[in-house]
PDB file of all heavy atoms in Angstrom:
ATOM      1  N   LEU A   1      56.466  28.967  90.058  1.00  0.00           N
ATOM      2  CA  LEU A   1      55.360  28.230  90.657  1.00  0.00           C
ATOM      3  C   LEU A   1      54.730  28.988  91.819  1.00  0.00           C
ATOM      4  O   LEU A   1      53.531  28.865  92.095  1.00  0.00           O
ATOM      5  CB  LEU A   1      55.861  26.856  91.158  1.00  0.00           C
ATOM      6  CG  LEU A   1      56.337  25.881  90.056  1.00  0.00           C
ATOM      7  CD1 LEU A   1      56.887  24.610  90.690  1.00  0.00           C
ATOM      8  CD2 LEU A   1      55.193  25.559  89.094  1.00  0.00           C
ATOM      9  N   TYR A   2      55.558  29.754  92.525  1.00  0.00           N
ATOM     10  CA  TYR A   2      55.045  30.391  93.732  1.00  0.00           C
ATOM     11  C   TYR A   2      54.409  31.746  93.446  1.00  0.00           C
ATOM     12  O   TYR A   2      53.382  32.095  94.019  1.00  0.00           O
ATOM     13  CB  TYR A   2      56.191  30.561  94.743  1.00  0.00           C
ATOM     14  CG  TYR A   2      55.742  31.110  96.076  1.00  0.00           C
ATOM     15  CD1 TYR A   2      55.118  30.305  97.021  1.00  0.00           C
ATOM     16  CD2 TYR A   2      55.956  32.456  96.384  1.00  0.00           C
ATOM     17  CE1 TYR A   2      54.714  30.819  98.224  1.00  0.00           C
ATOM     18  CE2 TYR A   2      55.552  32.976  97.583  1.00  0.00           C
ATOM     19  CZ  TYR A   2      54.923  32.143  98.502  1.00  0.00           C
ATOM     20  OH  TYR A   2      54.532  32.663  99.700  1.00  0.00           O
ATOM     21  N   PHE A   3      55.019  32.546  92.556  1.00  0.00           N
ATOM     22  CA  PHE A   3      54.529  33.886  92.280  1.00  0.00           C
ATOM     23  C   PHE A   3      53.688  33.900  91.007  1.00  0.00           C
ATOM     24  O   PHE A   3      53.883  33.089  90.094  1.00  0.00           O
ATOM     25  CB  PHE A   3      55.699  34.870  92.111  1.00  0.00           C
ATOM     26  CG  PHE A   3      56.517  35.066  93.364  1.00  0.00           C
ATOM     27  CD1 PHE A   3      57.742  34.428  93.500  1.00  0.00           C
ATOM     28  CD2 PHE A   3      56.049  35.855  94.391  1.00  0.00           C
ATOM     29  CE1 PHE A   3      58.485  34.599  94.642  1.00  0.00           C
ATOM     30  CE2 PHE A   3      56.800  36.032  95.530  1.00  0.00           C
ATOM     31  CZ  PHE A   3      58.019  35.400  95.654  1.00  0.00           C
ATOM     32  N   ARG A   4      52.774  34.839  90.963  1.00  0.00           N
ATOM     33  CA  ARG A   4      51.982  35.066  89.765  1.00  0.00           C
ATOM     34  C   ARG A   4      52.778  35.895  88.773  1.00  0.00           C
ATOM     35  O   ARG A   4      53.745  36.557  89.140  1.00  0.00           O
ATOM     36  CB  ARG A   4      50.677  35.789  90.130  1.00  0.00           C
ATOM     37  CG  ARG A   4      49.753  34.956  91.024  1.00  0.00           C
ATOM     38  CD  ARG A   4      48.391  35.649  91.119  1.00  0.00           C
ATOM     39  NE  ARG A   4      48.514  36.963  91.732  1.00  0.00           N
ATOM     40  CZ  ARG A   4      48.433  37.168  93.039  1.00  0.00           C
ATOM     41  NH1 ARG A   4      48.259  36.157  93.857  1.00  0.00           N
ATOM     42  NH2 ARG A   4      48.545  38.397  93.504  1.00  0.00           N
ATOM     43  N   PRO A   5      52.392  35.886  87.487  1.00  0.00           N
ATOM     44  CA  PRO A   5      53.153  36.674  86.500  1.00  0.00           C
ATOM     45  C   PRO A   5      53.249  38.144  86.849  1.00  0.00           C
ATOM     46  O   PRO A   5      54.267  38.784  86.616  1.00  0.00           O
ATOM     47  CB  PRO A   5      52.380  36.425  85.194  1.00  0.00           C
ATOM     48  CG  PRO A   5      51.703  35.105  85.402  1.00  0.00           C
ATOM     49  CD  PRO A   5      51.346  35.061  86.852  1.00  0.00           C
ATOM     50  N   SER A   6      52.179  38.715  87.404  1.00  0.00           N
ATOM     51  CA  SER A   6      52.241  40.137  87.762  1.00  0.00           C
ATOM     52  C   SER A   6      53.254  40.395  88.862  1.00  0.00           C
ATOM     53  O   SER A   6      53.970  41.394  88.855  1.00  0.00           O
ATOM     54  CB  SER A   6      50.849  40.615  88.202  1.00  0.00           C
ATOM     55  OG  SER A   6      50.412  39.880  89.345  1.00  0.00           O
ATOM     56  N   GLN A   7      53.353  39.478  89.836  1.00  0.00           N
ATOM     57  CA  GLN A   7      54.331  39.638  90.904  1.00  0.00           C
ATOM     58  C   GLN A   7      55.752  39.486  90.377  1.00  0.00           C
ATOM     59  O   GLN A   7      56.671  40.174  90.820  1.00  0.00           O
ATOM     60  CB  GLN A   7      54.070  38.612  92.006  1.00  0.00           C
ATOM     61  CG  GLN A   7      52.768  38.843  92.765  1.00  0.00           C
ATOM     62  CD  GLN A   7      52.524  37.765  93.804  1.00  0.00           C
ATOM     63  OE1 GLN A   7      52.998  36.650  93.654  1.00  0.00           O
ATOM     64  NE2 GLN A   7      51.771  38.093  94.825  1.00  0.00           N
ATOM     65  N   LEU A   8      55.917  38.595  89.402  1.00  0.00           N
ATOM     66  CA  LEU A   8      57.236  38.440  88.818  1.00  0.00           C
ATOM     67  C   LEU A   8      57.659  39.693  88.062  1.00  0.00           C
ATOM     68  O   LEU A   8      58.829  40.080  88.065  1.00  0.00           O
ATOM     69  CB  LEU A   8      57.258  37.222  87.879  1.00  0.00           C
ATOM     70  CG  LEU A   8      57.222  35.856  88.578  1.00  0.00           C
ATOM     71  CD1 LEU A   8      57.122  34.760  87.530  1.00  0.00           C
ATOM     72  CD2 LEU A   8      58.448  35.660  89.436  1.00  0.00           C
ATOM     73  N   GLY A   9      56.706  40.338  87.400  1.00  0.00           N
ATOM     74  CA  GLY A   9      57.031  41.596  86.733  1.00  0.00           C
ATOM     75  C   GLY A   9      57.447  42.671  87.723  1.00  0.00           C
ATOM     76  O   GLY A   9      58.375  43.449  87.475  1.00  0.00           O
ATOM     77  N   PHE A  10      56.791  42.722  88.889  1.00  0.00           N
ATOM     78  CA  PHE A  10      57.162  43.682  89.933  1.00  0.00           C
ATOM     79  C   PHE A  10      58.557  43.374  90.481  1.00  0.00           C
ATOM     80  O   PHE A  10      59.357  44.280  90.728  1.00  0.00           O
ATOM     81  CB  PHE A  10      56.126  43.623  91.060  1.00  0.00           C
ATOM     82  CG  PHE A  10      56.445  44.522  92.214  1.00  0.00           C
ATOM     83  CD1 PHE A  10      56.278  45.903  92.121  1.00  0.00           C
ATOM     84  CD2 PHE A  10      56.930  43.994  93.402  1.00  0.00           C
ATOM     85  CE1 PHE A  10      56.574  46.722  93.183  1.00  0.00           C
ATOM     86  CE2 PHE A  10      57.222  44.809  94.458  1.00  0.00           C
ATOM     87  CZ  PHE A  10      57.040  46.171  94.355  1.00  0.00           C
ATOM     88  N   ILE A  11      58.852  42.097  90.664  1.00  0.00           N
ATOM     89  CA  ILE A  11      60.190  41.721  91.134  1.00  0.00           C
ATOM     90  C   ILE A  11      61.247  42.120  90.122  1.00  0.00           C
ATOM     91  O   ILE A  11      62.332  42.598  90.459  1.00  0.00           O
ATOM     92  CB  ILE A  11      60.242  40.200  91.418  1.00  0.00           C
ATOM     93  CG1 ILE A  11      59.328  39.867  92.608  1.00  0.00           C
ATOM     94  CG2 ILE A  11      61.667  39.744  91.707  1.00  0.00           C
ATOM     95  CD1 ILE A  11      59.202  38.391  92.872  1.00  0.00           C
ATOM     96  N   SER A  12      60.924  41.949  88.833  1.00  0.00           N
ATOM     97  CA  SER A  12      61.870  42.337  87.790  1.00  0.00           C
ATOM     98  C   SER A  12      62.154  43.834  87.832  1.00  0.00           C
ATOM     99  O   SER A  12      63.292  44.280  87.670  1.00  0.00           O
ATOM    100  CB  SER A  12      61.319  41.942  86.416  1.00  0.00           C
ATOM    101  OG  SER A  12      61.082  40.556  86.352  1.00  0.00           O
ATOM    102  N   GLN A  13      61.108  44.643  88.065  1.00  0.00           N
ATOM    103  CA  GLN A  13      61.317  46.083  88.156  1.00  0.00           C
ATOM    104  C   GLN A  13      62.190  46.433  89.355  1.00  0.00           C
ATOM    105  O   GLN A  13      63.039  47.318  89.287  1.00  0.00           O
ATOM    106  CB  GLN A  13      59.971  46.803  88.248  1.00  0.00           C
ATOM    107  CG  GLN A  13      59.115  46.659  86.986  1.00  0.00           C
ATOM    108  CD  GLN A  13      57.759  47.330  87.154  1.00  0.00           C
ATOM    109  OE1 GLN A  13      57.529  48.027  88.124  1.00  0.00           O
ATOM    110  NE2 GLN A  13      56.887  47.106  86.196  1.00  0.00           N
ATOM    111  N   LYS A  14      61.995  45.756  90.485  1.00  0.00           N
ATOM    112  CA  LYS A  14      62.810  46.009  91.666  1.00  0.00           C
ATOM    113  C   LYS A  14      64.281  45.649  91.404  1.00  0.00           C
ATOM    114  O   LYS A  14      65.197  46.370  91.817  1.00  0.00           O
ATOM    115  CB  LYS A  14      62.284  45.192  92.867  1.00  0.00           C
ATOM    116  CG  LYS A  14      60.995  45.730  93.451  1.00  0.00           C
ATOM    117  CD  LYS A  14      61.244  47.069  94.123  1.00  0.00           C
ATOM    118  CE  LYS A  14      59.981  47.561  94.834  1.00  0.00           C
ATOM    119  NZ  LYS A  14      60.206  48.862  95.499  1.00  0.00           N
ATOM    120  N   VAL A  15      64.502  44.526  90.737  1.00  0.00           N
ATOM    121  CA  VAL A  15      65.862  44.127  90.422  1.00  0.00           C
ATOM    122  C   VAL A  15      66.521  45.141  89.511  1.00  0.00           C
ATOM    123  O   VAL A  15      67.693  45.499  89.658  1.00  0.00           O
ATOM    124  CB  VAL A  15      65.872  42.717  89.797  1.00  0.00           C
ATOM    125  CG1 VAL A  15      67.268  42.358  89.300  1.00  0.00           C
ATOM    126  CG2 VAL A  15      65.402  41.695  90.811  1.00  0.00           C
ATOM    127  N   LEU A  16      65.765  45.659  88.520  1.00  0.00           N
ATOM    128  CA  LEU A  16      66.292  46.668  87.613  1.00  0.00           C
ATOM    129  C   LEU A  16      66.686  47.934  88.359  1.00  0.00           C
ATOM    130  O   LEU A  16      67.736  48.530  88.125  1.00  0.00           O
ATOM    131  CB  LEU A  16      65.249  46.983  86.530  1.00  0.00           C
ATOM    132  CG  LEU A  16      65.607  48.113  85.548  1.00  0.00           C
ATOM    133  CD1 LEU A  16      66.881  47.764  84.787  1.00  0.00           C
ATOM    134  CD2 LEU A  16      64.460  48.364  84.596  1.00  0.00           C
ATOM    135  N   LEU A  17      65.858  48.360  89.308  1.00  0.00           N
ATOM    136  CA  LEU A  17      66.158  49.558  90.077  1.00  0.00           C
ATOM    137  C   LEU A  17      67.401  49.363  90.930  1.00  0.00           C
ATOM    138  O   LEU A  17      68.250  50.253  91.053  1.00  0.00           O
ATOM    139  CB  LEU A  17      64.958  49.918  90.968  1.00  0.00           C
ATOM    140  CG  LEU A  17      65.109  51.164  91.855  1.00  0.00           C
ATOM    141  CD1 LEU A  17      65.358  52.404  91.003  1.00  0.00           C
ATOM    142  CD2 LEU A  17      63.864  51.353  92.714  1.00  0.00           C
ATOM    143  N   THR A  18      67.541  48.180  91.528  1.00  0.00           N
ATOM    144  CA  THR A  18      68.720  47.901  92.350  1.00  0.00           C
ATOM    145  C   THR A  18      69.986  47.896  91.529  1.00  0.00           C
ATOM    146  O   THR A  18      71.022  48.435  91.925  1.00  0.00           O
ATOM    147  CB  THR A  18      68.545  46.549  93.063  1.00  0.00           C
ATOM    148  OG1 THR A  18      67.342  46.576  93.812  1.00  0.00           O
ATOM    149  CG2 THR A  18      69.740  46.273  93.992  1.00  0.00           C
ATOM    150  N   VAL A  19      69.918  47.299  90.349  1.00  0.00           N
ATOM    151  CA  VAL A  19      71.094  47.237  89.488  1.00  0.00           C
ATOM    152  C   VAL A  19      71.512  48.620  89.031  1.00  0.00           C
ATOM    153  O   VAL A  19      72.686  48.969  88.994  1.00  0.00           O
ATOM    154  CB  VAL A  19      70.809  46.305  88.289  1.00  0.00           C
ATOM    155  CG1 VAL A  19      71.935  46.383  87.271  1.00  0.00           C
ATOM    156  CG2 VAL A  19      70.624  44.883  88.761  1.00  0.00           C
ATOM    157  N   ARG A  20      70.527  49.464  88.664  1.00  0.00           N
ATOM    158  CA  ARG A  20      70.855  50.821  88.238  1.00  0.00           C
ATOM    159  C   ARG A  20      71.503  51.615  89.365  1.00  0.00           C
ATOM    160  O   ARG A  20      72.446  52.375  89.153  1.00  0.00           O
ATOM    161  CB  ARG A  20      69.595  51.520  87.745  1.00  0.00           C
ATOM    162  CG  ARG A  20      69.126  51.021  86.365  1.00  0.00           C
ATOM    163  CD  ARG A  20      67.854  51.723  85.947  1.00  0.00           C
ATOM    164  NE  ARG A  20      67.454  51.326  84.594  1.00  0.00           N
ATOM    165  CZ  ARG A  20      66.305  51.704  84.019  1.00  0.00           C
ATOM    166  NH1 ARG A  20      65.459  52.473  84.703  1.00  0.00           N
ATOM    167  NH2 ARG A  20      66.013  51.301  82.799  1.00  0.00           N
ATOM    168  N   THR A  21      70.994  51.458  90.592  1.00  0.00           N
ATOM    169  CA  THR A  21      71.571  52.185  91.733  1.00  0.00           C
ATOM    170  C   THR A  21      72.997  51.745  92.002  1.00  0.00           C
ATOM    171  O   THR A  21      73.887  52.559  92.235  1.00  0.00           O
ATOM    172  CB  THR A  21      70.707  51.953  92.986  1.00  0.00           C
ATOM    173  OG1 THR A  21      69.361  52.338  92.684  1.00  0.00           O
ATOM    174  CG2 THR A  21      71.243  52.778  94.150  1.00  0.00           C
ATOM    175  N   SER A  22      73.232  50.433  91.972  1.00  0.00           N
ATOM    176  CA  SER A  22      74.574  49.938  92.220  1.00  0.00           C
ATOM    177  C   SER A  22      75.528  50.326  91.111  1.00  0.00           C
ATOM    178  O   SER A  22      76.708  50.586  91.338  1.00  0.00           O
ATOM    179  CB  SER A  22      74.555  48.411  92.373  1.00  0.00           C
ATOM    180  OG  SER A  22      74.070  47.807  91.189  1.00  0.00           O
ATOM    181  N   SER A  23      75.031  50.403  89.882  1.00  0.00           N
ATOM    182  CA  SER A  23      75.895  50.790  88.774  1.00  0.00           C
ATOM    183  C   SER A  23      76.328  52.242  88.883  1.00  0.00           C
ATOM    184  O   SER A  23      77.440  52.600  88.515  1.00  0.00           O
ATOM    185  CB  SER A  23      75.171  50.558  87.439  1.00  0.00           C
ATOM    186  OG  SER A  23      74.025  51.387  87.336  1.00  0.00           O
ATOM    187  N   ARG A  24      75.457  53.103  89.394  1.00  0.00           N
ATOM    188  CA  ARG A  24      75.846  54.507  89.584  1.00  0.00           C
ATOM    189  C   ARG A  24      76.892  54.634  90.681  1.00  0.00           C
ATOM    190  O   ARG A  24      77.781  55.471  90.612  1.00  0.00           O
ATOM    191  CB  ARG A  24      74.622  55.364  89.921  1.00  0.00           C
ATOM    192  CG  ARG A  24      73.600  55.464  88.788  1.00  0.00           C
ATOM    193  CD  ARG A  24      72.576  56.566  89.072  1.00  0.00           C
ATOM    194  NE  ARG A  24      71.469  56.530  88.156  1.00  0.00           N
ATOM    195  CZ  ARG A  24      70.309  55.989  88.420  1.00  0.00           C
ATOM    196  NH1 ARG A  24      70.102  55.422  89.601  1.00  0.00           N
ATOM    197  NH2 ARG A  24      69.339  55.998  87.530  1.00  0.00           N
ATOM    198  N   SER A  25      76.779  53.841  91.755  1.00  0.00           N
ATOM    199  CA  SER A  25      77.672  53.995  92.896  1.00  0.00           C
ATOM    200  C   SER A  25      79.073  53.515  92.608  1.00  0.00           C
ATOM    201  O   SER A  25      80.042  54.050  93.128  1.00  0.00           O
ATOM    202  CB  SER A  25      77.109  53.233  94.109  1.00  0.00           C
ATOM    203  OG  SER A  25      77.021  51.845  93.800  1.00  0.00           O
TER     204      SER A  25
END
């Protein structure tokens, strides 16, 4: 309700990047 679909896609990309970084560490 708060974010637009484009913002949600950007948040999804950020979450993916964080998960990949933590998985490497």
